[in-house]
Amino acid sequence: MKYHGEFLDKVDRLGVHRTKSECGKGVRCNIALYMYPDGHGNFYLMKDSGAWITHKNKELSSPSNNLLETVDIFIDILYVMYKRAKKIRPR
């Protein structure tokens, strides 16, 4: 969680939410990833409806400069989801 910490904080607070099916036994995060041939791209957070999640009237996104940074952001998103899922208590 290096240089894109602000985005990951928004992922944790706004993007990751408990699933509604099967008594909410897990978490969900909807992301869209734009990738270009040279490996740079951008992650966007989406609502279940498919609309972009916004904060202060701007789409929540995190740019990546190359393929390794893209992979790093993706791993960090998975880690945020893992931490959130661990907090769910079985019903």
PDB file of N, CA and C in Angstrom:
ATOM      1  N   MET A   1       0.843  -1.166   0.000  1.00  0.00           N
ATOM      2  CA  MET A   1       0.000   0.000   0.000  1.00  0.00           C
ATOM      3  C   MET A   1       0.893   1.235   0.000  1.00  0.00           C
ATOM      4  N   LYS A   2       1.589   1.393  -1.067  1.00  0.00           N
ATOM      5  CA  LYS A   2       2.618   2.399  -1.138  1.00  0.00           C
ATOM      6  C   LYS A   2       2.066   3.742  -1.583  1.00  0.00           C
ATOM      7  N   TYR A   3       2.178   4.045  -2.846  1.00  0.00           N
ATOM      8  CA  TYR A   3       1.898   5.360  -3.396  1.00  0.00           C
ATOM      9  C   TYR A   3       0.439   5.564  -3.752  1.00  0.00           C
ATOM     10  N   HIS A   4      -0.404   4.559  -3.664  1.00  0.00           N
ATOM     11  CA  HIS A   4      -1.818   4.709  -4.000  1.00  0.00           C
ATOM     12  C   HIS A   4      -2.687   4.483  -2.766  1.00  0.00           C
ATOM     13  N   GLY A   5      -2.184   4.865  -1.607  1.00  0.00           N
ATOM     14  CA  GLY A   5      -2.895   4.654  -0.354  1.00  0.00           C
ATOM     15  C   GLY A   5      -4.230   5.357  -0.268  1.00  0.00           C
ATOM     16  N   GLU A   6      -4.326   6.564  -0.818  1.00  0.00           N
ATOM     17  CA  GLU A   6      -5.596   7.297  -0.760  1.00  0.00           C
ATOM     18  C   GLU A   6      -6.675   6.551  -1.544  1.00  0.00           C
ATOM     19  N   PHE A   7      -6.315   6.024  -2.709  1.00  0.00           N
ATOM     20  CA  PHE A   7      -7.265   5.236  -3.495  1.00  0.00           C
ATOM     21  C   PHE A   7      -7.683   3.992  -2.721  1.00  0.00           C
ATOM     22  N   LEU A   8      -6.722   3.314  -2.089  1.00  0.00           N
ATOM     23  CA  LEU A   8      -7.041   2.084  -1.354  1.00  0.00           C
ATOM     24  C   LEU A   8      -7.884   2.376  -0.129  1.00  0.00           C
ATOM     25  N   ASP A   9      -7.709   3.548   0.468  1.00  0.00           N
ATOM     26  CA  ASP A   9      -8.578   3.934   1.584  1.00  0.00           C
ATOM     27  C   ASP A   9     -10.014   4.060   1.090  1.00  0.00           C
ATOM     28  N   LYS A  10     -10.186   4.618  -0.090  1.00  0.00           N
ATOM     29  CA  LYS A  10     -11.525   4.735  -0.676  1.00  0.00           C
ATOM     30  C   LYS A  10     -12.066   3.356  -1.064  1.00  0.00           C
ATOM     31  N   VAL A  11     -11.187   2.474  -1.544  1.00  0.00           N
ATOM     32  CA  VAL A  11     -11.602   1.098  -1.843  1.00  0.00           C
ATOM     33  C   VAL A  11     -12.169   0.470  -0.580  1.00  0.00           C
ATOM     34  N   ASP A  12     -11.443   0.631   0.527  1.00  0.00           N
ATOM     35  CA  ASP A  12     -11.865   0.025   1.787  1.00  0.00           C
ATOM     36  C   ASP A  12     -13.169   0.632   2.295  1.00  0.00           C
ATOM     37  N   ARG A  13     -13.291   1.950   2.231  1.00  0.00           N
ATOM     38  CA  ARG A  13     -14.478   2.616   2.785  1.00  0.00           C
ATOM     39  C   ARG A  13     -15.677   2.594   1.851  1.00  0.00           C
ATOM     40  N   LEU A  14     -15.445   2.732   0.544  1.00  0.00           N
ATOM     41  CA  LEU A  14     -16.560   2.885  -0.385  1.00  0.00           C
ATOM     42  C   LEU A  14     -16.724   1.710  -1.344  1.00  0.00           C
ATOM     43  N   GLY A  15     -15.610   1.095  -1.726  1.00  0.00           N
ATOM     44  CA  GLY A  15     -15.680   0.087  -2.768  1.00  0.00           C
ATOM     45  C   GLY A  15     -15.917  -1.325  -2.294  1.00  0.00           C
ATOM     46  N   VAL A  16     -15.394  -1.673  -1.126  1.00  0.00           N
ATOM     47  CA  VAL A  16     -15.557  -3.032  -0.610  1.00  0.00           C
ATOM     48  C   VAL A  16     -16.795  -3.073   0.267  1.00  0.00           C
ATOM     49  N   HIS A  17     -17.704  -3.970  -0.061  1.00  0.00           N
ATOM     50  CA  HIS A  17     -18.915  -4.097   0.750  1.00  0.00           C
ATOM     51  C   HIS A  17     -19.286  -5.567   0.884  1.00  0.00           C
ATOM     52  N   ARG A  18     -20.011  -5.844   1.917  1.00  0.00           N
ATOM     53  CA  ARG A  18     -20.428  -7.214   2.196  1.00  0.00           C
ATOM     54  C   ARG A  18     -21.406  -7.703   1.129  1.00  0.00           C
ATOM     55  N   THR A  19     -21.251  -8.933   0.715  1.00  0.00           N
ATOM     56  CA  THR A  19     -22.162  -9.487  -0.281  1.00  0.00           C
ATOM     57  C   THR A  19     -23.539  -9.674   0.321  1.00  0.00           C
ATOM     58  N   LYS A  20     -24.542  -9.672  -0.532  1.00  0.00           N
ATOM     59  CA  LYS A  20     -25.920  -9.810  -0.059  1.00  0.00           C
ATOM     60  C   LYS A  20     -26.414 -11.243  -0.166  1.00  0.00           C
ATOM     61  N   SER A  21     -25.814 -12.030  -1.028  1.00  0.00           N
ATOM     62  CA  SER A  21     -26.259 -13.419  -1.199  1.00  0.00           C
ATOM     63  C   SER A  21     -25.658 -14.317  -0.120  1.00  0.00           C
ATOM     64  N   GLU A  22     -26.302 -15.404   0.156  1.00  0.00           N
ATOM     65  CA  GLU A  22     -25.838 -16.410   1.118  1.00  0.00           C
ATOM     66  C   GLU A  22     -25.464 -15.801   2.467  1.00  0.00           C
ATOM     67  N   CYS A  23     -26.315 -14.962   2.997  1.00  0.00           N
ATOM     68  CA  CYS A  23     -26.139 -14.354   4.324  1.00  0.00           C
ATOM     69  C   CYS A  23     -24.905 -13.457   4.391  1.00  0.00           C
ATOM     70  N   GLY A  24     -24.436 -12.956   3.272  1.00  0.00           N
ATOM     71  CA  GLY A  24     -23.304 -12.033   3.280  1.00  0.00           C
ATOM     72  C   GLY A  24     -22.028 -12.639   3.822  1.00  0.00           C
ATOM     73  N   LYS A  25     -21.640 -13.783   3.323  1.00  0.00           N
ATOM     74  CA  LYS A  25     -20.477 -14.498   3.853  1.00  0.00           C
ATOM     75  C   LYS A  25     -19.143 -13.986   3.317  1.00  0.00           C
ATOM     76  N   GLY A  26     -19.154 -12.995   2.453  1.00  0.00           N
ATOM     77  CA  GLY A  26     -17.914 -12.492   1.880  1.00  0.00           C
ATOM     78  C   GLY A  26     -18.042 -11.020   1.549  1.00  0.00           C
ATOM     79  N   VAL A  27     -17.041 -10.505   0.843  1.00  0.00           N
ATOM     80  CA  VAL A  27     -17.047  -9.107   0.433  1.00  0.00           C
ATOM     81  C   VAL A  27     -16.917  -9.024  -1.080  1.00  0.00           C
ATOM     82  N   ARG A  28     -17.309  -7.868  -1.597  1.00  0.00           N
ATOM     83  CA  ARG A  28     -17.291  -7.662  -3.037  1.00  0.00           C
ATOM     84  C   ARG A  28     -16.699  -6.281  -3.316  1.00  0.00           C
ATOM     85  N   CYS A  29     -15.963  -6.193  -4.406  1.00  0.00           N
ATOM     86  CA  CYS A  29     -15.438  -4.922  -4.876  1.00  0.00           C
ATOM     87  C   CYS A  29     -15.491  -4.946  -6.391  1.00  0.00           C
ATOM     88  N   ASN A  30     -16.222  -4.022  -6.979  1.00  0.00           N
ATOM     89  CA  ASN A  30     -16.345  -3.959  -8.427  1.00  0.00           C
ATOM     90  C   ASN A  30     -15.333  -2.962  -8.969  1.00  0.00           C
ATOM     91  N   ILE A  31     -14.435  -3.442  -9.809  1.00  0.00           N
ATOM     92  CA  ILE A  31     -13.445  -2.564 -10.415  1.00  0.00           C
ATOM     93  C   ILE A  31     -13.478  -2.722 -11.928  1.00  0.00           C
ATOM     94  N   ALA A  32     -13.141  -1.652 -12.584  1.00  0.00           N
ATOM     95  CA  ALA A  32     -12.917  -1.684 -14.029  1.00  0.00           C
ATOM     96  C   ALA A  32     -11.451  -1.321 -14.225  1.00  0.00           C
ATOM     97  N   LEU A  33     -10.798  -1.994 -15.126  1.00  0.00           N
ATOM     98  CA  LEU A  33      -9.381  -1.741 -15.382  1.00  0.00           C
ATOM     99  C   LEU A  33      -9.202  -1.443 -16.862  1.00  0.00           C
ATOM    100  N   TYR A  34      -8.665  -0.277 -17.146  1.00  0.00           N
ATOM    101  CA  TYR A  34      -8.285   0.063 -18.511  1.00  0.00           C
ATOM    102  C   TYR A  34      -6.795  -0.200 -18.645  1.00  0.00           C
ATOM    103  N   MET A  35      -6.423  -0.966 -19.663  1.00  0.00           N
ATOM    104  CA  MET A  35      -5.021  -1.318 -19.869  1.00  0.00           C
ATOM    105  C   MET A  35      -4.621  -0.980 -21.296  1.00  0.00           C
ATOM    106  N   TYR A  36      -3.480  -0.371 -21.445  1.00  0.00           N
ATOM    107  CA  TYR A  36      -2.949  -0.012 -22.749  1.00  0.00           C
ATOM    108  C   TYR A  36      -1.785  -0.936 -23.101  1.00  0.00           C
ATOM    109  N   PRO A  37      -1.417  -1.021 -24.389  1.00  0.00           N
ATOM    110  CA  PRO A  37      -0.380  -1.969 -24.807  1.00  0.00           C
ATOM    111  C   PRO A  37       0.955  -1.841 -24.064  1.00  0.00           C
ATOM    112  N   ASP A  38       1.290  -0.633 -23.628  1.00  0.00           N
ATOM    113  CA  ASP A  38       2.567  -0.474 -22.915  1.00  0.00           C
ATOM    114  C   ASP A  38       2.465  -0.811 -21.432  1.00  0.00           C
ATOM    115  N   GLY A  39       1.257  -1.209 -20.949  1.00  0.00           N
ATOM    116  CA  GLY A  39       1.092  -1.637 -19.569  1.00  0.00           C
ATOM    117  C   GLY A  39       0.549  -0.577 -18.635  1.00  0.00           C
ATOM    118  N   HIS A  40       0.470   0.681 -19.067  1.00  0.00           N
ATOM    119  CA  HIS A  40      -0.122   1.677 -18.170  1.00  0.00           C
ATOM    120  C   HIS A  40      -1.639   1.568 -18.254  1.00  0.00           C
ATOM    121  N   GLY A  41      -2.295   2.034 -17.228  1.00  0.00           N
ATOM    122  CA  GLY A  41      -3.740   1.909 -17.206  1.00  0.00           C
ATOM    123  C   GLY A  41      -4.353   2.676 -16.057  1.00  0.00           C
ATOM    124  N   ASN A  42      -5.585   2.328 -15.723  1.00  0.00           N
ATOM    125  CA  ASN A  42      -6.308   2.998 -14.664  1.00  0.00           C
ATOM    126  C   ASN A  42      -7.342   2.062 -14.076  1.00  0.00           C
ATOM    127  N   PHE A  43      -7.433   2.023 -12.748  1.00  0.00           N
ATOM    128  CA  PHE A  43      -8.457   1.273 -12.029  1.00  0.00           C
ATOM    129  C   PHE A  43      -9.580   2.237 -11.676  1.00  0.00           C
ATOM    130  N   TYR A  44     -10.819   1.801 -11.861  1.00  0.00           N
ATOM    131  CA  TYR A  44     -11.991   2.567 -11.459  1.00  0.00           C
ATOM    132  C   TYR A  44     -12.845   1.704 -10.544  1.00  0.00           C
ATOM    133  N   LEU A  45     -13.463   2.321  -9.539  1.00  0.00           N
ATOM    134  CA  LEU A  45     -14.406   1.621  -8.667  1.00  0.00           C
ATOM    135  C   LEU A  45     -15.808   1.787  -9.228  1.00  0.00           C
ATOM    136  N   MET A  46     -16.590   0.710  -9.156  1.00  0.00           N
ATOM    137  CA  MET A  46     -17.954   0.736  -9.692  1.00  0.00           C
ATOM    138  C   MET A  46     -18.952   0.254  -8.650  1.00  0.00           C
ATOM    139  N   LYS A  47     -20.163   0.759  -8.739  1.00  0.00           N
ATOM    140  CA  LYS A  47     -21.272   0.275  -7.918  1.00  0.00           C
ATOM    141  C   LYS A  47     -21.778  -1.031  -8.521  1.00  0.00           C
ATOM    142  N   ASP A  48     -22.585  -1.781  -7.769  1.00  0.00           N
ATOM    143  CA  ASP A  48     -23.172  -3.015  -8.290  1.00  0.00           C
ATOM    144  C   ASP A  48     -23.998  -2.751  -9.556  1.00  0.00           C
ATOM    145  N   SER A  49     -24.544  -1.556  -9.660  1.00  0.00           N
ATOM    146  CA  SER A  49     -25.361  -1.205 -10.822  1.00  0.00           C
ATOM    147  C   SER A  49     -24.529  -0.969 -12.084  1.00  0.00           C
ATOM    148  N   GLY A  50     -23.213  -0.860 -11.907  1.00  0.00           N
ATOM    149  CA  GLY A  50     -22.340  -0.591 -13.042  1.00  0.00           C
ATOM    150  C   GLY A  50     -21.939   0.865 -13.162  1.00  0.00           C
ATOM    151  N   ALA A  51     -22.532   1.733 -12.352  1.00  0.00           N
ATOM    152  CA  ALA A  51     -22.172   3.152 -12.371  1.00  0.00           C
ATOM    153  C   ALA A  51     -20.850   3.359 -11.635  1.00  0.00           C
ATOM    154  N   TRP A  52     -20.116   4.402 -12.032  1.00  0.00           N
ATOM    155  CA  TRP A  52     -18.855   4.703 -11.355  1.00  0.00           C
ATOM    156  C   TRP A  52     -19.126   5.178  -9.929  1.00  0.00           C
ATOM    157  N   ILE A  53     -18.273   4.818  -8.998  1.00  0.00           N
ATOM    158  CA  ILE A  53     -18.315   5.390  -7.656  1.00  0.00           C
ATOM    159  C   ILE A  53     -17.555   6.711  -7.716  1.00  0.00           C
ATOM    160  N   THR A  54     -18.172   7.751  -7.194  1.00  0.00           N
ATOM    161  CA  THR A  54     -17.533   9.065  -7.213  1.00  0.00           C
ATOM    162  C   THR A  54     -17.298   9.554  -5.792  1.00  0.00           C
ATOM    163  N   HIS A  55     -16.346  10.451  -5.663  1.00  0.00           N
ATOM    164  CA  HIS A  55     -16.048  11.118  -4.396  1.00  0.00           C
ATOM    165  C   HIS A  55     -15.751  12.571  -4.742  1.00  0.00           C
ATOM    166  N   LYS A  56     -16.503  13.490  -4.161  1.00  0.00           N
ATOM    167  CA  LYS A  56     -16.377  14.921  -4.468  1.00  0.00           C
ATOM    168  C   LYS A  56     -16.534  15.158  -5.974  1.00  0.00           C
ATOM    169  N   ASN A  57     -17.520  14.493  -6.559  1.00  0.00           N
ATOM    170  CA  ASN A  57     -17.884  14.619  -7.976  1.00  0.00           C
ATOM    171  C   ASN A  57     -16.794  14.166  -8.943  1.00  0.00           C
ATOM    172  N   LYS A  58     -15.853  13.352  -8.472  1.00  0.00           N
ATOM    173  CA  LYS A  58     -14.830  12.788  -9.362  1.00  0.00           C
ATOM    174  C   LYS A  58     -14.881  11.271  -9.266  1.00  0.00           C
ATOM    175  N   GLU A  59     -14.683  10.613 -10.400  1.00  0.00           N
ATOM    176  CA  GLU A  59     -14.644   9.147 -10.393  1.00  0.00           C
ATOM    177  C   GLU A  59     -13.464   8.678  -9.557  1.00  0.00           C
ATOM    178  N   LEU A  60     -13.698   7.646  -8.721  1.00  0.00           N
ATOM    179  CA  LEU A  60     -12.601   7.096  -7.939  1.00  0.00           C
ATOM    180  C   LEU A  60     -11.736   6.239  -8.849  1.00  0.00           C
ATOM    181  N   SER A  61     -10.498   6.622  -8.975  1.00  0.00           N
ATOM    182  CA  SER A  61      -9.615   5.883  -9.862  1.00  0.00           C
ATOM    183  C   SER A  61      -8.187   5.951  -9.348  1.00  0.00           C
ATOM    184  N   SER A  62      -7.376   5.049  -9.837  1.00  0.00           N
ATOM    185  CA  SER A  62      -5.961   5.031  -9.507  1.00  0.00           C
ATOM    186  C   SER A  62      -5.185   4.706 -10.779  1.00  0.00           C
ATOM    187  N   PRO A  63      -4.362   5.631 -11.243  1.00  0.00           N
ATOM    188  CA  PRO A  63      -3.589   5.356 -12.452  1.00  0.00           C
ATOM    189  C   PRO A  63      -2.393   4.468 -12.145  1.00  0.00           C
ATOM    190  N   SER A  64      -1.997   3.703 -13.142  1.00  0.00           N
ATOM    191  CA  SER A  64      -0.762   2.926 -13.034  1.00  0.00           C
ATOM    192  C   SER A  64       0.114   3.275 -14.233  1.00  0.00           C
ATOM    193  N   ASN A  65       1.395   3.349 -14.001  1.00  0.00           N
ATOM    194  CA  ASN A  65       2.327   3.793 -15.030  1.00  0.00           C
ATOM    195  C   ASN A  65       2.897   2.681 -15.890  1.00  0.00           C
ATOM    196  N   ASN A  66       2.836   1.450 -15.376  1.00  0.00           N
ATOM    197  CA  ASN A  66       3.395   0.319 -16.118  1.00  0.00           C
ATOM    198  C   ASN A  66       2.751  -0.970 -15.610  1.00  0.00           C
ATOM    199  N   LEU A  67       3.100  -2.063 -16.228  1.00  0.00           N
ATOM    200  CA  LEU A  67       2.470  -3.346 -15.896  1.00  0.00           C
ATOM    201  C   LEU A  67       2.724  -3.753 -14.450  1.00  0.00           C
ATOM    202  N   LEU A  68       3.933  -3.580 -13.942  1.00  0.00           N
ATOM    203  CA  LEU A  68       4.228  -3.980 -12.560  1.00  0.00           C
ATOM    204  C   LEU A  68       3.434  -3.157 -11.556  1.00  0.00           C
ATOM    205  N   GLU A  69       3.282  -1.876 -11.825  1.00  0.00           N
ATOM    206  CA  GLU A  69       2.486  -1.033 -10.925  1.00  0.00           C
ATOM    207  C   GLU A  69       1.012  -1.443 -10.981  1.00  0.00           C
ATOM    208  N   THR A  70       0.527  -1.819 -12.154  1.00  0.00           N
ATOM    209  CA  THR A  70      -0.853  -2.295 -12.287  1.00  0.00           C
ATOM    210  C   THR A  70      -1.070  -3.541 -11.445  1.00  0.00           C
ATOM    211  N   VAL A  71      -0.140  -4.476 -11.535  1.00  0.00           N
ATOM    212  CA  VAL A  71      -0.227  -5.711 -10.743  1.00  0.00           C
ATOM    213  C   VAL A  71      -0.154  -5.384  -9.254  1.00  0.00           C
ATOM    214  N   ASP A  72       0.712  -4.453  -8.872  1.00  0.00           N
ATOM    215  CA  ASP A  72       0.864  -4.062  -7.474  1.00  0.00           C
ATOM    216  C   ASP A  72      -0.436  -3.481  -6.919  1.00  0.00           C
ATOM    217  N   ILE A  73      -1.098  -2.620  -7.683  1.00  0.00           N
ATOM    218  CA  ILE A  73      -2.372  -2.048  -7.244  1.00  0.00           C
ATOM    219  C   ILE A  73      -3.419  -3.146  -7.090  1.00  0.00           C
ATOM    220  N   PHE A  74      -3.458  -4.059  -8.054  1.00  0.00           N
ATOM    221  CA  PHE A  74      -4.428  -5.155  -7.993  1.00  0.00           C
ATOM    222  C   PHE A  74      -4.205  -6.012  -6.744  1.00  0.00           C
ATOM    223  N   ILE A  75      -2.965  -6.335  -6.442  1.00  0.00           N
ATOM    224  CA  ILE A  75      -2.654  -7.120  -5.238  1.00  0.00           C
ATOM    225  C   ILE A  75      -3.088  -6.357  -3.992  1.00  0.00           C
ATOM    226  N   ASP A  76      -2.845  -5.052  -3.965  1.00  0.00           N
ATOM    227  CA  ASP A  76      -3.248  -4.253  -2.808  1.00  0.00           C
ATOM    228  C   ASP A  76      -4.768  -4.228  -2.641  1.00  0.00           C
ATOM    229  N   ILE A  77      -5.508  -4.179  -3.751  1.00  0.00           N
ATOM    230  CA  ILE A  77      -6.972  -4.236  -3.670  1.00  0.00           C
ATOM    231  C   ILE A  77      -7.404  -5.575  -3.078  1.00  0.00           C
ATOM    232  N   LEU A  78      -6.787  -6.662  -3.528  1.00  0.00           N
ATOM    233  CA  LEU A  78      -7.118  -7.978  -2.976  1.00  0.00           C
ATOM    234  C   LEU A  78      -6.810  -8.045  -1.483  1.00  0.00           C
ATOM    235  N   TYR A  79      -5.717  -7.421  -1.059  1.00  0.00           N
ATOM    236  CA  TYR A  79      -5.355  -7.417   0.353  1.00  0.00           C
ATOM    237  C   TYR A  79      -6.386  -6.644   1.184  1.00  0.00           C
ATOM    238  N   VAL A  80      -6.840  -5.506   0.669  1.00  0.00           N
ATOM    239  CA  VAL A  80      -7.887  -4.731   1.354  1.00  0.00           C
ATOM    240  C   VAL A  80      -9.146  -5.590   1.499  1.00  0.00           C
ATOM    241  N   MET A  81      -9.510  -6.302   0.438  1.00  0.00           N
ATOM    242  CA  MET A  81     -10.696  -7.165   0.482  1.00  0.00           C
ATOM    243  C   MET A  81     -10.504  -8.286   1.500  1.00  0.00           C
ATOM    244  N   TYR A  82      -9.319  -8.874   1.532  1.00  0.00           N
ATOM    245  CA  TYR A  82      -9.023  -9.954   2.477  1.00  0.00           C
ATOM    246  C   TYR A  82      -9.171  -9.466   3.913  1.00  0.00           C
ATOM    247  N   LYS A  83      -8.611  -8.284   4.215  1.00  0.00           N
ATOM    248  CA  LYS A  83      -8.730  -7.748   5.579  1.00  0.00           C
ATOM    249  C   LYS A  83     -10.183  -7.502   5.947  1.00  0.00           C
ATOM    250  N   ARG A  84     -10.985  -6.976   5.016  1.00  0.00           N
ATOM    251  CA  ARG A  84     -12.387  -6.706   5.290  1.00  0.00           C
ATOM    252  C   ARG A  84     -13.154  -8.010   5.501  1.00  0.00           C
ATOM    253  N   ALA A  85     -12.850  -9.019   4.675  1.00  0.00           N
ATOM    254  CA  ALA A  85     -13.544 -10.300   4.777  1.00  0.00           C
ATOM    255  C   ALA A  85     -13.249 -10.994   6.106  1.00  0.00           C
ATOM    256  N   LYS A  86     -12.035 -10.832   6.612  1.00  0.00           N
ATOM    257  CA  LYS A  86     -11.669 -11.465   7.888  1.00  0.00           C
ATOM    258  C   LYS A  86     -12.498 -10.922   9.044  1.00  0.00           C
ATOM    259  N   LYS A  87     -13.043  -9.710   8.897  1.00  0.00           N
ATOM    260  CA  LYS A  87     -13.816  -9.087   9.975  1.00  0.00           C
ATOM    261  C   LYS A  87     -15.251  -9.628  10.033  1.00  0.00           C
ATOM    262  N   ILE A  88     -15.672 -10.364   9.017  1.00  0.00           N
ATOM    263  CA  ILE A  88     -17.046 -10.887   8.990  1.00  0.00           C
ATOM    264  C   ILE A  88     -17.161 -12.060   9.948  1.00  0.00           C
ATOM    265  N   ARG A  89     -18.108 -11.970  10.822  1.00  0.00           N
ATOM    266  CA  ARG A  89     -18.367 -13.045  11.781  1.00  0.00           C
ATOM    267  C   ARG A  89     -19.444 -13.981  11.224  1.00  0.00           C
ATOM    268  N   PRO A  90     -19.237 -15.279  11.346  1.00  0.00           N
ATOM    269  CA  PRO A  90     -20.285 -16.213  10.876  1.00  0.00           C
ATOM    270  C   PRO A  90     -21.568 -15.986  11.643  1.00  0.00           C
ATOM    271  N   ARG A  91     -22.681 -16.141  10.953  1.00  0.00           N
ATOM    272  CA  ARG A  91     -23.986 -15.942  11.613  1.00  0.00           C
ATOM    273  C   ARG A  91     -24.511 -17.242  12.140  1.00  0.00           C
TER     274      ARG A  91
END
